[in-house]
Amino acid sequence: MSGSQMILQAIGLTALAAIANIGGGALIAWRSEQISRVMPFLNAFGAGFMLAVAFLEMLPGGLEVPGGLTVVLVGYLIVHITQHVLTPHFHFGEEIHHDEMSSPAIGLWALVGLIPHAFFDGVAISGGFLISVELGFLIFMAVLLHKVPTGIALASIMLASGSSKRQAMKGVAVTSGAMILGAIVTPVIEWLTHYGFALAAGVTIYVAASNLIPETQHERGWQVPTGIFVGVASFYLARLLLPGI
């Protein structure tokens, strides 16, 4: 497969993940109770899969560039600053504390916090494809698994803070656009081509270890820990089925 074909495939799969993000927003905007029941397992499954991809594939690749470990840490801190310093009360899943979200500005800050995260999701997919089709596809699956919870998180925060359904869906669409933009610009911006994969590794580690897994720890029973280990096991299965990595 030529380089241009790989890039087009990366952009196409990123667009598919963007659609999943919009789908998550739509589910919460129209209050699907069915998705709420399975969300803890989906969060746990996505966390396990992402954690395995981040530590076993993305982190080693990110460390191959000079100063890669520092760049990984910068990626981690970028998400922490945007989601938990600039954005108050952010978590993955449906927002239920409506009394704490009386200002539409809170929904706007949630959108601002998720834009860099979404952008680097696109960078991760595109950067993976620049290394190999198999790695790009693994990263795409990791991103796809947490896009529905991300769309749900943003839409529910915006709705809880007083935004309309239309405004909430516009916000989700903006983050989807940022993700596609990340995939498009990575091959043409030199520093992203060089350091983008390491930055994306830090972002992925943060989303898996500092966002998704803490969210799952509020749930009792075997559903959540099972989801995490099934997610990790699914990564190994996918790795076996993609021997070119």
C-alpha atoms as a PDB file:
ATOM      1  CA  MET A   1       0.000   0.000   0.000  1.00  0.00           C
ATOM      2  CA  SER A   2       1.400   3.413  -0.981  1.00  0.00           C
ATOM      3  CA  GLY A   3       1.919   6.239   1.501  1.00  0.00           C
ATOM      4  CA  SER A   4      -0.961   8.263   0.088  1.00  0.00           C
ATOM      5  CA  GLN A   5      -3.300   5.276   0.339  1.00  0.00           C
ATOM      6  CA  MET A   6      -2.318   4.732   3.975  1.00  0.00           C
ATOM      7  CA  ILE A   7      -3.008   8.389   4.766  1.00  0.00           C
ATOM      8  CA  LEU A   8      -6.395   8.233   3.062  1.00  0.00           C
ATOM      9  CA  GLN A   9      -7.222   5.092   5.013  1.00  0.00           C
ATOM     10  CA  ALA A  10      -6.191   6.824   8.251  1.00  0.00           C
ATOM     11  CA  ILE A  11      -8.419   9.812   7.485  1.00  0.00           C
ATOM     12  CA  GLY A  12     -11.331   7.545   6.547  1.00  0.00           C
ATOM     13  CA  LEU A  13     -11.097   5.549   9.787  1.00  0.00           C
ATOM     14  CA  THR A  14     -10.735   8.751  11.795  1.00  0.00           C
ATOM     15  CA  ALA A  15     -13.948   9.976  10.181  1.00  0.00           C
ATOM     16  CA  LEU A  16     -15.610   6.730  11.284  1.00  0.00           C
ATOM     17  CA  ALA A  17     -14.453   7.327  14.864  1.00  0.00           C
ATOM     18  CA  ALA A  18     -15.784  10.888  14.570  1.00  0.00           C
ATOM     19  CA  ILE A  19     -19.196   9.482  13.629  1.00  0.00           C
ATOM     20  CA  ALA A  20     -19.100   7.300  16.765  1.00  0.00           C
ATOM     21  CA  ASN A  21     -18.389  10.448  18.788  1.00  0.00           C
ATOM     22  CA  ILE A  22     -21.433  12.149  17.277  1.00  0.00           C
ATOM     23  CA  GLY A  23     -23.450   8.998  17.897  1.00  0.00           C
ATOM     24  CA  GLY A  24     -22.561   9.131  21.600  1.00  0.00           C
ATOM     25  CA  GLY A  25     -23.750  12.725  21.776  1.00  0.00           C
ATOM     26  CA  ALA A  26     -26.983  11.836  20.003  1.00  0.00           C
ATOM     27  CA  LEU A  27     -27.648   8.946  22.391  1.00  0.00           C
ATOM     28  CA  ILE A  28     -27.492  11.186  25.438  1.00  0.00           C
ATOM     29  CA  ALA A  29     -29.283  14.109  23.768  1.00  0.00           C
ATOM     30  CA  TRP A  30     -32.262  11.843  23.205  1.00  0.00           C
ATOM     31  CA  ARG A  31     -31.802   9.960  26.499  1.00  0.00           C
ATOM     32  CA  SER A  32     -31.245   6.350  25.551  1.00  0.00           C
ATOM     33  CA  GLU A  33     -31.593   4.362  28.797  1.00  0.00           C
ATOM     34  CA  GLN A  34     -30.247   1.208  27.143  1.00  0.00           C
ATOM     35  CA  ILE A  35     -26.827   2.751  26.521  1.00  0.00           C
ATOM     36  CA  SER A  36     -26.658   3.993  30.127  1.00  0.00           C
ATOM     37  CA  ARG A  37     -26.998   0.425  31.413  1.00  0.00           C
ATOM     38  CA  VAL A  38     -24.037  -0.923  29.444  1.00  0.00           C
ATOM     39  CA  MET A  39     -21.854   2.209  29.659  1.00  0.00           C
ATOM     40  CA  PRO A  40     -19.823   1.035  32.714  1.00  0.00           C
ATOM     41  CA  PHE A  41     -18.799  -2.129  30.844  1.00  0.00           C
ATOM     42  CA  LEU A  42     -18.049  -0.174  27.646  1.00  0.00           C
ATOM     43  CA  ASN A  43     -15.912   2.292  29.599  1.00  0.00           C
ATOM     44  CA  ALA A  44     -14.027  -0.550  31.272  1.00  0.00           C
ATOM     45  CA  PHE A  45     -13.550  -2.464  28.017  1.00  0.00           C
ATOM     46  CA  GLY A  46     -12.285   0.645  26.246  1.00  0.00           C
ATOM     47  CA  ALA A  47      -9.952   1.458  29.145  1.00  0.00           C
ATOM     48  CA  GLY A  48      -8.386  -2.007  29.067  1.00  0.00           C
ATOM     49  CA  PHE A  49      -7.905  -1.982  25.304  1.00  0.00           C
ATOM     50  CA  MET A  50      -6.508   1.563  25.271  1.00  0.00           C
ATOM     51  CA  LEU A  51      -4.160   0.860  28.157  1.00  0.00           C
ATOM     52  CA  ALA A  52      -2.715  -2.154  26.349  1.00  0.00           C
ATOM     53  CA  VAL A  53      -2.306  -0.253  23.066  1.00  0.00           C
ATOM     54  CA  ALA A  54      -0.719   2.728  24.837  1.00  0.00           C
ATOM     55  CA  PHE A  55       1.846   0.791  26.870  1.00  0.00           C
ATOM     56  CA  LEU A  56       2.673  -2.034  24.463  1.00  0.00           C
ATOM     57  CA  GLU A  57       2.558  -0.245  21.097  1.00  0.00           C
ATOM     58  CA  MET A  58       2.371   3.540  21.325  1.00  0.00           C
ATOM     59  CA  LEU A  59       4.793   4.147  24.198  1.00  0.00           C
ATOM     60  CA  PRO A  60       7.644   2.080  22.680  1.00  0.00           C
ATOM     61  CA  GLY A  61       7.111   3.856  19.353  1.00  0.00           C
ATOM     62  CA  GLY A  62       7.050   7.267  21.001  1.00  0.00           C
ATOM     63  CA  LEU A  63      10.334   6.593  22.800  1.00  0.00           C
ATOM     64  CA  GLU A  64      12.152   6.072  19.505  1.00  0.00           C
ATOM     65  CA  VAL A  65      12.384   9.836  18.878  1.00  0.00           C
ATOM     66  CA  PRO A  66      14.948  11.995  20.758  1.00  0.00           C
ATOM     67  CA  GLY A  67      13.393  13.210  23.996  1.00  0.00           C
ATOM     68  CA  GLY A  68      10.433  10.934  23.403  1.00  0.00           C
ATOM     69  CA  LEU A  69       9.736  10.276  27.078  1.00  0.00           C
ATOM     70  CA  THR A  70       9.493  14.006  27.758  1.00  0.00           C
ATOM     71  CA  VAL A  71       7.136  14.421  24.802  1.00  0.00           C
ATOM     72  CA  VAL A  72       4.942  11.578  26.138  1.00  0.00           C
ATOM     73  CA  LEU A  73       4.766  13.381  29.489  1.00  0.00           C
ATOM     74  CA  VAL A  74       3.858  16.641  27.725  1.00  0.00           C
ATOM     75  CA  GLY A  75       1.003  14.844  25.930  1.00  0.00           C
ATOM     76  CA  TYR A  76      -0.229  13.490  29.257  1.00  0.00           C
ATOM     77  CA  LEU A  77      -0.123  16.930  30.871  1.00  0.00           C
ATOM     78  CA  ILE A  78      -1.859  18.635  27.931  1.00  0.00           C
ATOM     79  CA  VAL A  79      -4.965  16.536  28.549  1.00  0.00           C
ATOM     80  CA  HIS A  80      -4.783  17.028  32.311  1.00  0.00           C
ATOM     81  CA  ILE A  81      -4.621  20.816  31.906  1.00  0.00           C
ATOM     82  CA  THR A  82      -7.416  21.027  29.358  1.00  0.00           C
ATOM     83  CA  GLN A  83      -9.792  18.561  31.019  1.00  0.00           C
ATOM     84  CA  HIS A  84      -9.188  19.049  34.737  1.00  0.00           C
ATOM     85  CA  VAL A  85      -7.720  22.527  35.130  1.00  0.00           C
ATOM     86  CA  LEU A  86      -9.461  24.590  32.445  1.00  0.00           C
ATOM     87  CA  THR A  87     -12.585  22.417  32.561  1.00  0.00           C
ATOM     88  CA  PRO A  88     -14.368  22.006  35.919  1.00  0.00           C
ATOM     89  CA  HIS A  89     -16.017  18.756  37.007  1.00  0.00           C
ATOM     90  CA  PHE A  90     -15.149  16.720  33.910  1.00  0.00           C
ATOM     91  CA  HIS A  91     -15.729  12.991  33.765  1.00  0.00           C
ATOM     92  CA  PHE A  92     -16.635  10.402  31.163  1.00  0.00           C
ATOM     93  CA  GLY A  93     -20.261   9.333  31.203  1.00  0.00           C
ATOM     94  CA  GLU A  94     -23.570  11.098  31.654  1.00  0.00           C
ATOM     95  CA  GLU A  95     -23.553  14.226  33.814  1.00  0.00           C
ATOM     96  CA  ILE A  96     -26.174  14.000  36.566  1.00  0.00           C
ATOM     97  CA  HIS A  97     -25.171  16.916  38.841  1.00  0.00           C
ATOM     98  CA  HIS A  98     -27.346  19.514  37.152  1.00  0.00           C
ATOM     99  CA  ASP A  99     -27.380  21.730  40.242  1.00  0.00           C
ATOM    100  CA  GLU A 100     -23.604  22.214  39.939  1.00  0.00           C
ATOM    101  CA  MET A 101     -23.807  23.318  36.322  1.00  0.00           C
ATOM    102  CA  SER A 102     -25.956  26.419  36.264  1.00  0.00           C
ATOM    103  CA  SER A 103     -23.802  28.316  33.743  1.00  0.00           C
ATOM    104  CA  PRO A 104     -23.584  27.554  30.008  1.00  0.00           C
ATOM    105  CA  ALA A 105     -19.922  28.626  30.273  1.00  0.00           C
ATOM    106  CA  ILE A 106     -19.189  25.292  31.952  1.00  0.00           C
ATOM    107  CA  GLY A 107     -20.392  23.440  28.861  1.00  0.00           C
ATOM    108  CA  LEU A 108     -18.228  25.712  26.716  1.00  0.00           C
ATOM    109  CA  TRP A 109     -15.172  24.964  28.842  1.00  0.00           C
ATOM    110  CA  ALA A 110     -15.898  21.240  28.530  1.00  0.00           C
ATOM    111  CA  LEU A 111     -15.855  21.697  24.756  1.00  0.00           C
ATOM    112  CA  VAL A 112     -12.570  23.632  24.943  1.00  0.00           C
ATOM    113  CA  GLY A 113     -11.078  20.892  27.103  1.00  0.00           C
ATOM    114  CA  LEU A 114     -12.014  18.104  24.714  1.00  0.00           C
ATOM    115  CA  ILE A 115     -10.793  19.753  21.493  1.00  0.00           C
ATOM    116  CA  PRO A 116      -7.063  19.034  22.098  1.00  0.00           C
ATOM    117  CA  HIS A 117      -7.922  15.509  23.213  1.00  0.00           C
ATOM    118  CA  ALA A 118      -9.898  14.931  20.017  1.00  0.00           C
ATOM    119  CA  PHE A 119      -7.180  16.488  17.851  1.00  0.00           C
ATOM    120  CA  PHE A 120      -4.532  14.138  19.239  1.00  0.00           C
ATOM    121  CA  ASP A 121      -6.834  11.152  18.739  1.00  0.00           C
ATOM    122  CA  GLY A 122      -6.631  11.983  15.035  1.00  0.00           C
ATOM    123  CA  VAL A 123      -2.863  12.481  15.306  1.00  0.00           C
ATOM    124  CA  ALA A 124      -2.568   9.047  16.936  1.00  0.00           C
ATOM    125  CA  ILE A 125      -4.466   7.263  14.180  1.00  0.00           C
ATOM    126  CA  SER A 126      -2.591   9.027  11.407  1.00  0.00           C
ATOM    127  CA  GLY A 127       0.764   8.596  13.154  1.00  0.00           C
ATOM    128  CA  GLY A 128       0.088   4.894  13.583  1.00  0.00           C
ATOM    129  CA  PHE A 129      -0.618   4.475   9.881  1.00  0.00           C
ATOM    130  CA  LEU A 130       2.611   6.300   9.049  1.00  0.00           C
ATOM    131  CA  ILE A 131       4.397   3.444  10.839  1.00  0.00           C
ATOM    132  CA  SER A 132       2.279   0.521   9.627  1.00  0.00           C
ATOM    133  CA  VAL A 133      -1.283  -0.279   8.572  1.00  0.00           C
ATOM    134  CA  GLU A 134      -1.599  -2.819  11.376  1.00  0.00           C
ATOM    135  CA  LEU A 135      -0.545  -0.385  14.086  1.00  0.00           C
ATOM    136  CA  GLY A 136      -2.793   2.316  12.661  1.00  0.00           C
ATOM    137  CA  PHE A 137      -5.752  -0.052  12.768  1.00  0.00           C
ATOM    138  CA  LEU A 138      -5.038  -1.023  16.393  1.00  0.00           C
ATOM    139  CA  ILE A 139      -4.927   2.626  17.425  1.00  0.00           C
ATOM    140  CA  PHE A 140      -8.119   3.303  15.472  1.00  0.00           C
ATOM    141  CA  MET A 141      -9.896   0.574  17.443  1.00  0.00           C
ATOM    142  CA  ALA A 142      -8.622   2.052  20.723  1.00  0.00           C
ATOM    143  CA  VAL A 143      -9.864   5.519  19.746  1.00  0.00           C
ATOM    144  CA  LEU A 144     -13.186   4.160  18.475  1.00  0.00           C
ATOM    145  CA  LEU A 145     -13.879   2.380  21.766  1.00  0.00           C
ATOM    146  CA  HIS A 146     -13.835   5.592  23.785  1.00  0.00           C
ATOM    147  CA  LYS A 147     -15.529   7.908  21.291  1.00  0.00           C
ATOM    148  CA  VAL A 148     -19.091   7.003  22.319  1.00  0.00           C
ATOM    149  CA  PRO A 149     -18.335   7.751  26.015  1.00  0.00           C
ATOM    150  CA  THR A 150     -16.605  10.982  24.955  1.00  0.00           C
ATOM    151  CA  GLY A 151     -19.625  12.129  22.960  1.00  0.00           C
ATOM    152  CA  ILE A 152     -21.891  11.235  25.872  1.00  0.00           C
ATOM    153  CA  ALA A 153     -19.679  13.154  28.326  1.00  0.00           C
ATOM    154  CA  LEU A 154     -19.592  16.357  26.305  1.00  0.00           C
ATOM    155  CA  ALA A 155     -23.272  16.346  25.328  1.00  0.00           C
ATOM    156  CA  SER A 156     -24.435  15.621  28.886  1.00  0.00           C
ATOM    157  CA  ILE A 157     -22.250  18.363  30.398  1.00  0.00           C
ATOM    158  CA  MET A 158     -23.502  20.898  27.856  1.00  0.00           C
ATOM    159  CA  LEU A 159     -27.124  19.876  28.428  1.00  0.00           C
ATOM    160  CA  ALA A 160     -26.699  19.950  32.218  1.00  0.00           C
ATOM    161  CA  SER A 161     -25.187  23.436  32.020  1.00  0.00           C
ATOM    162  CA  GLY A 162     -28.159  24.827  30.123  1.00  0.00           C
ATOM    163  CA  SER A 163     -27.265  24.357  26.457  1.00  0.00           C
ATOM    164  CA  SER A 164     -29.929  23.186  24.014  1.00  0.00           C
ATOM    165  CA  LYS A 165     -29.779  19.793  22.308  1.00  0.00           C
ATOM    166  CA  ARG A 166     -28.770  21.535  19.093  1.00  0.00           C
ATOM    167  CA  GLN A 167     -25.941  23.407  20.816  1.00  0.00           C
ATOM    168  CA  ALA A 168     -24.769  20.198  22.483  1.00  0.00           C
ATOM    169  CA  MET A 169     -24.659  18.354  19.170  1.00  0.00           C
ATOM    170  CA  LYS A 170     -22.788  21.262  17.571  1.00  0.00           C
ATOM    171  CA  GLY A 171     -20.212  20.980  20.341  1.00  0.00           C
ATOM    172  CA  VAL A 172     -19.810  17.254  19.746  1.00  0.00           C
ATOM    173  CA  ALA A 173     -19.467  17.916  15.993  1.00  0.00           C
ATOM    174  CA  VAL A 174     -16.668  20.427  16.681  1.00  0.00           C
ATOM    175  CA  THR A 175     -14.650  17.812  18.570  1.00  0.00           C
ATOM    176  CA  SER A 176     -15.245  15.327  15.755  1.00  0.00           C
ATOM    177  CA  GLY A 177     -13.940  17.899  13.286  1.00  0.00           C
ATOM    178  CA  ALA A 178     -10.845  18.444  15.461  1.00  0.00           C
ATOM    179  CA  MET A 179     -10.137  14.725  15.342  1.00  0.00           C
ATOM    180  CA  ILE A 180     -10.355  14.602  11.553  1.00  0.00           C
ATOM    181  CA  LEU A 181      -8.157  17.708  11.339  1.00  0.00           C
ATOM    182  CA  GLY A 182      -5.519  15.980  13.460  1.00  0.00           C
ATOM    183  CA  ALA A 183      -5.440  13.035  11.079  1.00  0.00           C
ATOM    184  CA  ILE A 184      -5.175  15.301   8.028  1.00  0.00           C
ATOM    185  CA  VAL A 185      -2.390  17.598   9.231  1.00  0.00           C
ATOM    186  CA  THR A 186      -0.131  14.989  10.855  1.00  0.00           C
ATOM    187  CA  PRO A 187       1.524  13.825   7.590  1.00  0.00           C
ATOM    188  CA  VAL A 188       2.137  17.396   6.374  1.00  0.00           C
ATOM    189  CA  ILE A 189       3.387  19.123   9.556  1.00  0.00           C
ATOM    190  CA  GLU A 190       6.967  18.070  10.205  1.00  0.00           C
ATOM    191  CA  TRP A 191       6.988  18.324  13.997  1.00  0.00           C
ATOM    192  CA  LEU A 192       3.745  16.323  14.223  1.00  0.00           C
ATOM    193  CA  THR A 193       5.190  13.680  11.933  1.00  0.00           C
ATOM    194  CA  HIS A 194       8.225  13.495  14.220  1.00  0.00           C
ATOM    195  CA  TYR A 195       6.713  13.973  17.695  1.00  0.00           C
ATOM    196  CA  GLY A 196       2.981  13.533  17.188  1.00  0.00           C
ATOM    197  CA  PHE A 197       3.014   9.815  17.945  1.00  0.00           C
ATOM    198  CA  ALA A 198       4.788  10.386  21.291  1.00  0.00           C
ATOM    199  CA  LEU A 199       2.335  13.180  22.184  1.00  0.00           C
ATOM    200  CA  ALA A 200      -0.576  10.932  21.264  1.00  0.00           C
ATOM    201  CA  ALA A 201       0.872   8.162  23.461  1.00  0.00           C
ATOM    202  CA  GLY A 202       0.734  10.499  26.460  1.00  0.00           C
ATOM    203  CA  VAL A 203      -2.819  11.527  25.596  1.00  0.00           C
ATOM    204  CA  THR A 204      -3.917   7.892  25.268  1.00  0.00           C
ATOM    205  CA  ILE A 205      -2.327   6.913  28.587  1.00  0.00           C
ATOM    206  CA  TYR A 206      -4.137   9.777  30.295  1.00  0.00           C
ATOM    207  CA  VAL A 207      -7.531   8.931  28.804  1.00  0.00           C
ATOM    208  CA  ALA A 208      -7.192   5.248  29.724  1.00  0.00           C
ATOM    209  CA  ALA A 209      -5.500   5.450  33.129  1.00  0.00           C
ATOM    210  CA  SER A 210      -6.642   8.817  34.492  1.00  0.00           C
ATOM    211  CA  ASN A 211     -10.086   9.202  32.914  1.00  0.00           C
ATOM    212  CA  LEU A 212     -11.733   5.902  32.065  1.00  0.00           C
ATOM    213  CA  ILE A 213     -10.391   3.587  34.777  1.00  0.00           C
ATOM    214  CA  PRO A 214     -11.159   6.006  37.663  1.00  0.00           C
ATOM    215  CA  GLU A 215     -14.698   6.369  36.286  1.00  0.00           C
ATOM    216  CA  THR A 216     -15.168   2.592  36.367  1.00  0.00           C
ATOM    217  CA  GLN A 217     -14.060   2.331  39.999  1.00  0.00           C
ATOM    218  CA  HIS A 218     -17.344   3.835  41.162  1.00  0.00           C
ATOM    219  CA  GLU A 219     -19.188   0.717  39.969  1.00  0.00           C
ATOM    220  CA  ARG A 220     -19.590  -2.411  42.092  1.00  0.00           C
ATOM    221  CA  GLY A 221     -19.692  -6.025  41.002  1.00  0.00           C
ATOM    222  CA  TRP A 222     -17.756  -7.980  38.372  1.00  0.00           C
ATOM    223  CA  GLN A 223     -18.980  -6.125  35.288  1.00  0.00           C
ATOM    224  CA  VAL A 224     -16.284  -3.430  35.357  1.00  0.00           C
ATOM    225  CA  PRO A 225     -13.155  -5.477  36.247  1.00  0.00           C
ATOM    226  CA  THR A 226     -14.271  -8.081  33.734  1.00  0.00           C
ATOM    227  CA  GLY A 227     -14.605  -5.358  31.092  1.00  0.00           C
ATOM    228  CA  ILE A 228     -11.047  -4.124  31.724  1.00  0.00           C
ATOM    229  CA  PHE A 229      -9.500  -7.584  31.393  1.00  0.00           C
ATOM    230  CA  VAL A 230     -11.649  -8.424  28.371  1.00  0.00           C
ATOM    231  CA  GLY A 231     -10.409  -5.191  26.801  1.00  0.00           C
ATOM    232  CA  VAL A 232      -6.765  -6.159  27.384  1.00  0.00           C
ATOM    233  CA  ALA A 233      -7.400  -9.693  26.113  1.00  0.00           C
ATOM    234  CA  SER A 234      -9.072  -8.262  23.007  1.00  0.00           C
ATOM    235  CA  PHE A 235      -5.943  -6.237  22.304  1.00  0.00           C
ATOM    236  CA  TYR A 236      -3.815  -9.390  22.365  1.00  0.00           C
ATOM    237  CA  LEU A 237      -6.303 -11.140  20.099  1.00  0.00           C
ATOM    238  CA  ALA A 238      -6.213  -8.246  17.654  1.00  0.00           C
ATOM    239  CA  ARG A 239      -2.423  -8.278  17.789  1.00  0.00           C
ATOM    240  CA  LEU A 240      -2.396 -11.975  16.878  1.00  0.00           C
ATOM    241  CA  LEU A 241      -4.709 -11.293  13.953  1.00  0.00           C
ATOM    242  CA  LEU A 242      -2.488  -8.426  12.753  1.00  0.00           C
ATOM    243  CA  PRO A 243       0.933 -10.127  12.562  1.00  0.00           C
ATOM    244  CA  GLY A 244       2.533  -7.267  10.611  1.00  0.00           C
ATOM    245  CA  ILE A 245       3.011  -5.165  13.772  1.00  0.00           C
END
